[in-house]
Structure formats: structure tokens, C-alpha cells
C-alpha atoms as a PDB file:
ATOM      1  CA  UNK A   1     273.462  88.115 -66.623  1.00  0.00           C
ATOM      2  CA  UNK A   2     273.074  90.335 -69.683  1.00  0.00           C
ATOM      3  CA  UNK A   3     274.434  93.754 -70.533  1.00  0.00           C
ATOM      4  CA  UNK A   4     271.859  96.356 -71.528  1.00  0.00           C
ATOM      5  CA  UNK A   5     272.234  99.553 -73.539  1.00  0.00           C
ATOM      6  CA  UNK A   6     269.428 102.143 -73.530  1.00  0.00           C
ATOM      7  CA  UNK A   7     269.308 104.696 -76.347  1.00  0.00           C
ATOM      8  CA  UNK A   8     266.739 106.899 -78.038  1.00  0.00           C
ATOM      9  CA  UNK A   9     265.851 105.736 -81.564  1.00  0.00           C
ATOM     10  CA  UNK A  10     267.713 108.152 -83.843  1.00  0.00           C
ATOM     11  CA  UNK A  11     267.615 108.657 -87.590  1.00  0.00           C
ATOM     12  CA  UNK A  12     270.311 106.654 -89.412  1.00  0.00           C
ATOM     13  CA  UNK A  13     272.664 106.803 -86.398  1.00  0.00           C
ATOM     14  CA  UNK A  14     276.428 107.291 -86.325  1.00  0.00           C
ATOM     15  CA  UNK A  15     279.068 104.600 -85.757  1.00  0.00           C
ATOM     16  CA  UNK A  16     279.252 104.935 -81.968  1.00  0.00           C
ATOM     17  CA  UNK A  17     275.564 104.064 -81.666  1.00  0.00           C
ATOM     18  CA  UNK A  18     276.196 100.684 -83.278  1.00  0.00           C
ATOM     19  CA  UNK A  19     279.345 100.087 -81.226  1.00  0.00           C
ATOM     20  CA  UNK A  20     277.176 100.403 -78.129  1.00  0.00           C
ATOM     21  CA  UNK A  21     274.642  98.003 -79.630  1.00  0.00           C
ATOM     22  CA  UNK A  22     277.387  95.535 -80.540  1.00  0.00           C
ATOM     23  CA  UNK A  23     278.509  95.381 -76.884  1.00  0.00           C
ATOM     24  CA  UNK A  24     275.013  94.752 -75.544  1.00  0.00           C
ATOM     25  CA  UNK A  25     272.942  91.615 -75.093  1.00  0.00           C
ATOM     26  CA  UNK A  26     269.769  93.700 -74.936  1.00  0.00           C
ATOM     27  CA  UNK A  27     269.392  97.061 -76.643  1.00  0.00           C
ATOM     28  CA  UNK A  28     266.398  99.088 -75.458  1.00  0.00           C
ATOM     29  CA  UNK A  29     265.061 101.944 -77.549  1.00  0.00           C
ATOM     30  CA  UNK A  30     264.153 104.694 -75.093  1.00  0.00           C
ATOM     31  CA  UNK A  31     261.009 105.809 -76.922  1.00  0.00           C
ATOM     32  CA  UNK A  32     258.836 106.529 -73.864  1.00  0.00           C
ATOM     33  CA  UNK A  33     260.436 109.915 -73.083  1.00  0.00           C
ATOM     34  CA  UNK A  34     259.665 113.360 -74.486  1.00  0.00           C
ATOM     35  CA  UNK A  35     260.364 114.003 -78.140  1.00  0.00           C
ATOM     36  CA  UNK A  36     263.060 116.603 -78.712  1.00  0.00           C
ATOM     37  CA  UNK A  37     262.475 118.734 -81.788  1.00  0.00           C
ATOM     38  CA  UNK A  38     265.525 119.338 -83.997  1.00  0.00           C
ATOM     39  CA  UNK A  39     267.516 116.539 -82.365  1.00  0.00           C
ATOM     40  CA  UNK A  40     269.221 113.447 -83.774  1.00  0.00           C
ATOM     41  CA  UNK A  41     265.884 111.712 -83.298  1.00  0.00           C
ATOM     42  CA  UNK A  42     264.829 113.170 -86.633  1.00  0.00           C
ATOM     43  CA  UNK A  43     268.052 114.082 -88.438  1.00  0.00           C
ATOM     44  CA  UNK A  44     271.563 113.033 -89.358  1.00  0.00           C
ATOM     45  CA  UNK A  45     274.477 113.915 -91.610  1.00  0.00           C
ATOM     46  CA  UNK A  46     275.871 112.434 -94.797  1.00  0.00           C
ATOM     47  CA  UNK A  47     278.921 113.463 -96.827  1.00  0.00           C
ATOM     48  CA  UNK A  48     278.813 115.237-100.187  1.00  0.00           C
ATOM     49  CA  UNK A  49     281.248 116.948-102.544  1.00  0.00           C
ATOM     50  CA  UNK A  50     280.464 120.214-100.716  1.00  0.00           C
ATOM     51  CA  UNK A  51     281.002 118.692 -97.256  1.00  0.00           C
ATOM     52  CA  UNK A  52     278.311 117.636 -94.805  1.00  0.00           C
ATOM     53  CA  UNK A  53     274.614 117.532 -95.683  1.00  0.00           C
ATOM     54  CA  UNK A  54     271.941 117.429 -92.997  1.00  0.00           C
ATOM     55  CA  UNK A  55     268.914 115.233 -93.688  1.00  0.00           C
ATOM     56  CA  UNK A  56     265.910 116.091 -91.515  1.00  0.00           C
ATOM     57  CA  UNK A  57     262.697 114.086 -91.213  1.00  0.00           C
ATOM     58  CA  UNK A  58     259.616 116.339 -90.913  1.00  0.00           C
ATOM     59  CA  UNK A  59     257.538 115.654 -87.795  1.00  0.00           C
ATOM     60  CA  UNK A  60     254.213 117.073 -86.633  1.00  0.00           C
ATOM     61  CA  UNK A  61     254.916 119.241 -83.581  1.00  0.00           C
ATOM     62  CA  UNK A  62     252.353 122.059 -83.513  1.00  0.00           C
ATOM     63  CA  UNK A  63     250.334 121.806 -80.297  1.00  0.00           C
ATOM     64  CA  UNK A  64     252.255 118.621 -79.325  1.00  0.00           C
ATOM     65  CA  UNK A  65     254.933 120.006 -77.047  1.00  0.00           C
ATOM     66  CA  UNK A  66     254.735 117.142 -74.528  1.00  0.00           C
ATOM     67  CA  UNK A  67     254.508 114.273 -77.011  1.00  0.00           C
ATOM     68  CA  UNK A  68     256.667 111.204 -76.445  1.00  0.00           C
ATOM     69  CA  UNK A  69     259.067 109.847 -79.038  1.00  0.00           C
ATOM     70  CA  UNK A  70     256.818 106.826 -79.597  1.00  0.00           C
ATOM     71  CA  UNK A  71     253.911 109.156 -80.455  1.00  0.00           C
ATOM     72  CA  UNK A  72     255.699 111.577 -82.816  1.00  0.00           C
ATOM     73  CA  UNK A  73     254.066 111.434 -86.251  1.00  0.00           C
ATOM     74  CA  UNK A  74     255.715 111.970 -89.611  1.00  0.00           C
ATOM     75  CA  UNK A  75     254.457 114.962 -91.581  1.00  0.00           C
ATOM     76  CA  UNK A  76     252.851 113.130 -94.493  1.00  0.00           C
ATOM     77  CA  UNK A  77     252.299 116.377 -96.420  1.00  0.00           C
ATOM     78  CA  UNK A  78     256.019 116.586 -97.140  1.00  0.00           C
ATOM     79  CA  UNK A  79     257.563 113.942 -99.360  1.00  0.00           C
ATOM     80  CA  UNK A  80     260.882 113.719 -97.511  1.00  0.00           C
ATOM     81  CA  UNK A  81     261.497 110.089 -98.577  1.00  0.00           C
ATOM     82  CA  UNK A  82     262.061 111.056-102.210  1.00  0.00           C
ATOM     83  CA  UNK A  83     264.243 114.017-101.273  1.00  0.00           C
ATOM     84  CA  UNK A  84     266.397 112.016 -98.861  1.00  0.00           C
ATOM     85  CA  UNK A  85     266.689 108.963-101.083  1.00  0.00           C
ATOM     86  CA  UNK A  86     267.657 110.982-104.152  1.00  0.00           C
ATOM     87  CA  UNK A  87     270.211 112.922-102.095  1.00  0.00           C
ATOM     88  CA  UNK A  88     271.729 109.705-100.727  1.00  0.00           C
ATOM     89  CA  UNK A  89     271.795 108.119-104.175  1.00  0.00           C
ATOM     90  CA  UNK A  90     273.347 111.197-105.775  1.00  0.00           C
ATOM     91  CA  UNK A  91     276.205 111.305-103.256  1.00  0.00           C
ATOM     92  CA  UNK A  92     276.904 107.592-102.789  1.00  0.00           C
ATOM     93  CA  UNK A  93     276.069 105.940-106.120  1.00  0.00           C
ATOM     94  CA  UNK A  94     279.790 105.694-106.938  1.00  0.00           C
ATOM     95  CA  UNK A  95     280.779 104.357-103.527  1.00  0.00           C
ATOM     96  CA  UNK A  96     282.376 100.923-103.727  1.00  0.00           C
ATOM     97  CA  UNK A  97     279.630  98.971-101.940  1.00  0.00           C
ATOM     98  CA  UNK A  98     276.615 101.139-102.725  1.00  0.00           C
ATOM     99  CA  UNK A  99     275.046  98.584-105.081  1.00  0.00           C
ATOM    100  CA  UNK A 100     275.343  95.837-102.455  1.00  0.00           C
ATOM    101  CA  UNK A 101     272.887  97.536-100.115  1.00  0.00           C
ATOM    102  CA  UNK A 102     270.823 100.182-101.861  1.00  0.00           C
ATOM    103  CA  UNK A 103     267.941  97.939-102.983  1.00  0.00           C
ATOM    104  CA  UNK A 104     267.218  96.642 -99.477  1.00  0.00           C
ATOM    105  CA  UNK A 105     267.803 100.087 -97.996  1.00  0.00           C
ATOM    106  CA  UNK A 106     265.209 101.492-100.392  1.00  0.00           C
ATOM    107  CA  UNK A 107     262.698  98.800 -99.410  1.00  0.00           C
ATOM    108  CA  UNK A 108     262.945  99.602 -95.702  1.00  0.00           C
ATOM    109  CA  UNK A 109     263.180 103.337 -96.286  1.00  0.00           C
ATOM    110  CA  UNK A 110     259.967 103.457 -98.309  1.00  0.00           C
ATOM    111  CA  UNK A 111     257.978 101.115 -96.066  1.00  0.00           C
ATOM    112  CA  UNK A 112     254.783 102.743 -94.865  1.00  0.00           C
ATOM    113  CA  UNK A 113     255.397 104.451 -91.553  1.00  0.00           C
ATOM    114  CA  UNK A 114     253.113 106.794 -89.643  1.00  0.00           C
ATOM    115  CA  UNK A 115     255.411 107.285 -86.661  1.00  0.00           C
ATOM    116  CA  UNK A 116     258.991 108.532 -86.574  1.00  0.00           C
ATOM    117  CA  UNK A 117     260.056 105.875 -84.061  1.00  0.00           C
ATOM    118  CA  UNK A 118     258.793 103.091 -86.331  1.00  0.00           C
ATOM    119  CA  UNK A 119     260.798 104.463 -89.252  1.00  0.00           C
ATOM    120  CA  UNK A 120     263.959 104.861 -87.180  1.00  0.00           C
ATOM    121  CA  UNK A 121     263.702 101.465 -85.498  1.00  0.00           C
ATOM    122  CA  UNK A 122     262.989  99.605 -88.744  1.00  0.00           C
ATOM    123  CA  UNK A 123     266.046 101.181 -90.372  1.00  0.00           C
ATOM    124  CA  UNK A 124     268.232 100.534 -87.311  1.00  0.00           C
ATOM    125  CA  UNK A 125     267.071  96.905 -87.129  1.00  0.00           C
ATOM    126  CA  UNK A 126     267.933  96.415 -90.802  1.00  0.00           C
ATOM    127  CA  UNK A 127     271.346  98.040 -90.351  1.00  0.00           C
ATOM    128  CA  UNK A 128     271.980  95.885 -87.263  1.00  0.00           C
ATOM    129  CA  UNK A 129     271.368  92.723 -89.282  1.00  0.00           C
ATOM    130  CA  UNK A 130     273.501  93.941 -92.195  1.00  0.00           C
ATOM    131  CA  UNK A 131     276.381  94.686 -89.832  1.00  0.00           C
ATOM    132  CA  UNK A 132     276.016  91.302 -88.114  1.00  0.00           C
ATOM    133  CA  UNK A 133     275.171  92.582 -84.625  1.00  0.00           C
ATOM    134  CA  UNK A 134     273.339  90.047 -82.446  1.00  0.00           C
ATOM    135  CA  UNK A 135     271.726  92.199 -79.724  1.00  0.00           C
ATOM    136  CA  UNK A 136     268.052  91.710 -78.865  1.00  0.00           C
ATOM    137  CA  UNK A 137     265.992  94.843 -79.553  1.00  0.00           C
ATOM    138  CA  UNK A 138     263.237  96.082 -77.225  1.00  0.00           C
ATOM    139  CA  UNK A 139     261.254  99.300 -76.708  1.00  0.00           C
ATOM    140  CA  UNK A 140     260.847 101.016 -73.371  1.00  0.00           C
ATOM    141  CA  UNK A 141     257.255 101.864 -74.335  1.00  0.00           C
ATOM    142  CA  UNK A 142     256.512  98.123 -74.255  1.00  0.00           C
ATOM    143  CA  UNK A 143     257.978  97.645 -70.778  1.00  0.00           C
ATOM    144  CA  UNK A 144     256.170  98.181 -67.477  1.00  0.00           C
ATOM    145  CA  UNK A 145     258.588 100.865 -66.273  1.00  0.00           C
ATOM    146  CA  UNK A 146     258.148 104.184 -64.530  1.00  0.00           C
ATOM    147  CA  UNK A 147     260.426 106.758 -63.015  1.00  0.00           C
ATOM    148  CA  UNK A 148     262.404 109.599 -64.528  1.00  0.00           C
ATOM    149  CA  UNK A 149     266.018 110.093 -65.526  1.00  0.00           C
ATOM    150  CA  UNK A 150     268.315 107.752 -63.583  1.00  0.00           C
ATOM    151  CA  UNK A 151     265.443 105.907 -61.890  1.00  0.00           C
ATOM    152  CA  UNK A 152     263.940 105.104 -65.291  1.00  0.00           C
ATOM    153  CA  UNK A 153     267.224 103.630 -66.533  1.00  0.00           C
ATOM    154  CA  UNK A 154     267.493 101.451 -63.432  1.00  0.00           C
ATOM    155  CA  UNK A 155     263.866 100.338 -63.803  1.00  0.00           C
ATOM    156  CA  UNK A 156     264.551  99.299 -67.405  1.00  0.00           C
ATOM    157  CA  UNK A 157     267.632  97.315 -66.347  1.00  0.00           C
ATOM    158  CA  UNK A 158     265.556  95.489 -63.735  1.00  0.00           C
ATOM    159  CA  UNK A 159     262.658  94.920 -66.149  1.00  0.00           C
ATOM    160  CA  UNK A 160     264.896  93.132 -68.687  1.00  0.00           C
ATOM    161  CA  UNK A 161     266.925  91.266 -66.061  1.00  0.00           C
ATOM    162  CA  UNK A 162     270.225  93.018 -66.764  1.00  0.00           C
ATOM    163  CA  UNK A 163     272.975  93.416 -64.168  1.00  0.00           C
ATOM    164  CA  UNK A 164     275.243  95.520 -66.394  1.00  0.00           C
ATOM    165  CA  UNK A 165     274.392  98.880 -67.930  1.00  0.00           C
ATOM    166  CA  UNK A 166     276.653 100.327 -70.622  1.00  0.00           C
ATOM    167  CA  UNK A 167     275.954 104.039 -70.952  1.00  0.00           C
ATOM    168  CA  UNK A 168     276.973 106.492 -73.671  1.00  0.00           C
ATOM    169  CA  UNK A 169     279.761 108.765 -72.446  1.00  0.00           C
ATOM    170  CA  UNK A 170     277.605 111.846 -72.990  1.00  0.00           C
ATOM    171  CA  UNK A 171     275.269 110.720 -70.208  1.00  0.00           C
ATOM    172  CA  UNK A 172     277.795 111.246 -67.404  1.00  0.00           C
ATOM    173  CA  UNK A 173     276.255 114.624 -66.587  1.00  0.00           C
ATOM    174  CA  UNK A 174     272.731 113.236 -66.990  1.00  0.00           C
ATOM    175  CA  UNK A 175     273.321 110.284 -64.650  1.00  0.00           C
ATOM    176  CA  UNK A 176     273.960 112.252 -61.481  1.00  0.00           C
ATOM    177  CA  UNK A 177     273.163 109.549 -58.921  1.00  0.00           C
ATOM    178  CA  UNK A 178     275.390 106.644 -59.941  1.00  0.00           C
ATOM    179  CA  UNK A 179     274.979 104.933 -56.570  1.00  0.00           C
ATOM    180  CA  UNK A 180     271.384 104.097 -57.509  1.00  0.00           C
ATOM    181  CA  UNK A 181     272.709 101.518 -59.955  1.00  0.00           C
ATOM    182  CA  UNK A 182     274.947  99.890 -57.367  1.00  0.00           C
ATOM    183  CA  UNK A 183     272.168  99.794 -54.770  1.00  0.00           C
ATOM    184  CA  UNK A 184     270.029  97.907 -57.299  1.00  0.00           C
ATOM    185  CA  UNK A 185     272.764  95.430 -58.240  1.00  0.00           C
ATOM    186  CA  UNK A 186     273.521  96.995 -61.634  1.00  0.00           C
ATOM    187  CA  UNK A 187     277.106  97.526 -62.761  1.00  0.00           C
ATOM    188  CA  UNK A 188     277.390 100.915 -64.533  1.00  0.00           C
ATOM    189  CA  UNK A 189     280.137 101.511 -67.104  1.00  0.00           C
ATOM    190  CA  UNK A 190     280.588 104.217 -69.738  1.00  0.00           C
ATOM    191  CA  UNK A 191     281.188 103.793 -73.432  1.00  0.00           C
ATOM    192  CA  UNK A 192     284.674 104.819 -74.553  1.00  0.00           C
ATOM    193  CA  UNK A 193     284.945 105.242 -78.322  1.00  0.00           C
ATOM    194  CA  UNK A 194     287.412 106.978 -80.604  1.00  0.00           C
ATOM    195  CA  UNK A 195     286.030 107.536 -84.088  1.00  0.00           C
ATOM    196  CA  UNK A 196     287.955 105.341 -86.552  1.00  0.00           C
ATOM    197  CA  UNK A 197     289.211 106.572 -89.919  1.00  0.00           C
ATOM    198  CA  UNK A 198     288.037 104.698 -93.015  1.00  0.00           C
ATOM    199  CA  UNK A 199     287.954 105.123 -96.776  1.00  0.00           C
ATOM    200  CA  UNK A 200     285.652 107.958 -97.736  1.00  0.00           C
ATOM    201  CA  UNK A 201     284.704 109.789-100.911  1.00  0.00           C
ATOM    202  CA  UNK A 202     285.065 113.533-101.525  1.00  0.00           C
ATOM    203  CA  UNK A 203     288.466 114.435-100.173  1.00  0.00           C
ATOM    204  CA  UNK A 204     289.788 114.445 -96.609  1.00  0.00           C
ATOM    205  CA  UNK A 205     288.196 112.221 -94.012  1.00  0.00           C
ATOM    206  CA  UNK A 206     285.424 113.732 -91.915  1.00  0.00           C
ATOM    207  CA  UNK A 207     283.920 111.996 -88.900  1.00  0.00           C
ATOM    208  CA  UNK A 208     280.546 111.544 -87.216  1.00  0.00           C
ATOM    209  CA  UNK A 209     278.400 110.931 -90.268  1.00  0.00           C
ATOM    210  CA  UNK A 210     275.519 108.467 -90.500  1.00  0.00           C
ATOM    211  CA  UNK A 211     276.412 104.774 -90.497  1.00  0.00           C
ATOM    212  CA  UNK A 212     275.442 104.583 -94.174  1.00  0.00           C
ATOM    213  CA  UNK A 213     278.571 106.589 -95.039  1.00  0.00           C
ATOM    214  CA  UNK A 214     280.685 103.750 -93.601  1.00  0.00           C
ATOM    215  CA  UNK A 215     278.506 100.973 -95.022  1.00  0.00           C
ATOM    216  CA  UNK A 216     278.471 102.245 -98.608  1.00  0.00           C
ATOM    217  CA  UNK A 217     282.227 102.871 -98.540  1.00  0.00           C
ATOM    218  CA  UNK A 218     283.503  99.827 -96.643  1.00  0.00           C
ATOM    219  CA  UNK A 219     280.842  97.113 -96.975  1.00  0.00           C
ATOM    220  CA  UNK A 220     281.543  93.891 -95.058  1.00  0.00           C
ATOM    221  CA  UNK A 221     284.462  95.508 -93.236  1.00  0.00           C
ATOM    222  CA  UNK A 222     282.132  97.967 -91.490  1.00  0.00           C
ATOM    223  CA  UNK A 223     281.655  96.138 -88.186  1.00  0.00           C
ATOM    224  CA  UNK A 224     285.381  95.512 -87.826  1.00  0.00           C
ATOM    225  CA  UNK A 225     286.049  99.206 -88.416  1.00  0.00           C
ATOM    226  CA  UNK A 226     283.437 100.148 -85.804  1.00  0.00           C
ATOM    227  CA  UNK A 227     285.027  97.799 -83.270  1.00  0.00           C
ATOM    228  CA  UNK A 228     288.465  99.286 -83.937  1.00  0.00           C
ATOM    229  CA  UNK A 229     287.309 102.525 -82.292  1.00  0.00           C
ATOM    230  CA  UNK A 230     286.404 100.782 -79.051  1.00  0.00           C
ATOM    231  CA  UNK A 231     288.437 101.607 -75.975  1.00  0.00           C
ATOM    232  CA  UNK A 232     288.475  99.343 -72.915  1.00  0.00           C
ATOM    233  CA  UNK A 233     288.983 100.755 -69.424  1.00  0.00           C
ATOM    234  CA  UNK A 234     292.046  99.319 -67.718  1.00  0.00           C
ATOM    235  CA  UNK A 235     291.020  96.564 -65.293  1.00  0.00           C
ATOM    236  CA  UNK A 236     292.939  98.096 -62.372  1.00  0.00           C
ATOM    237  CA  UNK A 237     291.326 101.494 -62.894  1.00  0.00           C
ATOM    238  CA  UNK A 238     287.887  99.933 -63.333  1.00  0.00           C
ATOM    239  CA  UNK A 239     288.127  97.946 -60.091  1.00  0.00           C
ATOM    240  CA  UNK A 240     289.470 100.950 -58.220  1.00  0.00           C
ATOM    241  CA  UNK A 241     286.630 103.193 -59.378  1.00  0.00           C
ATOM    242  CA  UNK A 242     283.984 100.617 -58.409  1.00  0.00           C
ATOM    243  CA  UNK A 243     285.589 100.035 -55.010  1.00  0.00           C
ATOM    244  CA  UNK A 244     285.519 103.758 -54.278  1.00  0.00           C
ATOM    245  CA  UNK A 245     281.878 103.981 -55.338  1.00  0.00           C
ATOM    246  CA  UNK A 246     280.942 100.991 -53.187  1.00  0.00           C
ATOM    247  CA  UNK A 247     282.701 102.598 -50.217  1.00  0.00           C
ATOM    248  CA  UNK A 248     280.741 105.811 -50.722  1.00  0.00           C
ATOM    249  CA  UNK A 249     277.477 103.868 -50.931  1.00  0.00           C
ATOM    250  CA  UNK A 250     278.244 101.943 -47.732  1.00  0.00           C
ATOM    251  CA  UNK A 251     279.094 105.156 -45.913  1.00  0.00           C
ATOM    252  CA  UNK A 252     275.805 106.648 -47.038  1.00  0.00           C
ATOM    253  CA  UNK A 253     273.865 103.622 -45.817  1.00  0.00           C
ATOM    254  CA  UNK A 254     275.602 103.772 -42.423  1.00  0.00           C
ATOM    255  CA  UNK A 255     274.562 107.410 -41.999  1.00  0.00           C
ATOM    256  CA  UNK A 256     270.878 106.578 -42.585  1.00  0.00           C
END
């Protein structure tokens, strides 16, 4: 049975995003939830001589407070593509592997997109193929799923036939009712990732930039570097944690 990862489609994501994808059989873009203004859904960081630079994609939000990620439209009155592309080119043109990727990056970056999710997913799909990641990509907006929060995640797992759910570590507070996964036959584990160090331009190494910082600097070695940050839970500890959770679930069922 496959492992599924469920993540919002973000703009030129960081390394950990692709490490999650690399460990999944099915990667579901969670685009059927509310759009969050000024989030990683529409922005990310690159490195420059002055330090970090934040690139933000303009999105139409006035009067659209409840819009879903899949419905968020790009603000076509602002030519962000030229600004972002020139900024990326200015700061990475001397990177070792920049010339290997920039032409195809430009093609995908300038493809006609009306929706933010389409832009993000097209870029992520291209980056996935460049890195050599094999996961199947799906969108939650194309699945017949309902529910909110934890229930929605479980519904997605069931909809794609997955019995393992690998969650980003930051979702531990969000996923309050972990027993729901076990009751539905889904094995829940959390991503454990330590950001690797790699060759970088402009002085001392800084972490948590967009994946393009790694790609332009390290080229074909990028996926191996991403995998080097992966941490695996000790088998004894993993089994112990699951046994304790199963015991709690059984106790709860006996009380009903």
C-alpha cells in the first residue's frame, strides 16, 4: 500500500518539501483549503550578496477573504514574472549549474497562468522531474473528499488508497486527534529533517531558501544532498509509540 504526503502548493518550495515528496508514492497538493495571504503559498526566499531576498507573487485578495487556494488568481496588472526572473538571474547567473537549468526554468516560469496554484504546481512538477523524484502528483480539489483538518487528511488518504501518511513535523499541533488515523487503518508518521549544508554563493551558508538555491549551486547532486538531511526514527521507538497509541485507542473503544 502506498505512502501519501499532503502539502499545500507553495511558491518555489524549500528542500524539506521535496524530501517529503521523495518519500511518498502519492503527493497530494492540498489546494481545496482556504488561501492564506502572505504565506509561503505565494512567496519564498533566495540568497543575494546582501543576504536573503523575499520574492512575493501578487494575488487578488480584495473581497475574496474565503477563497480557496485553487481559486486564488494572480494579479495580472503587476508584472512580477519579469521582476522575479531578473532578480533570480542577477543573483544566480554565476552559480556553477545555473546555465544547465535556466532555459527550462524560464519556459515554465513564463507559461500563461491565471491561478496561483497552477503556477506553483507547474513549477513544482518541473522541479520534481529535474531532481528525479518519482512520486505521483494529485490535487485535493480533484478528489471527492470532505471534512476539515484531521478528518480531511484521513479522507484524502482513503480516497487515494494509502495506508501510510507522512506528515510535516510542523503539523503535530494541527493534527490533534492522531487516533483517527489508526481507526481508519492509516499509519501516521512525522517527517524528521535536518537542513543539510551545501556549496552556496555570497559568503557563509544560510539555510531554508528556495530549492532553486540548491539546484543552481549543486546541480545533479541536489537530490542526494536533500536525502542527506533525512532522519529516520529508531525502529524500537517507532514500534513503542504505535503500541502506546493503539492501546489508547482500544481503551477508548472499550469505554464507548
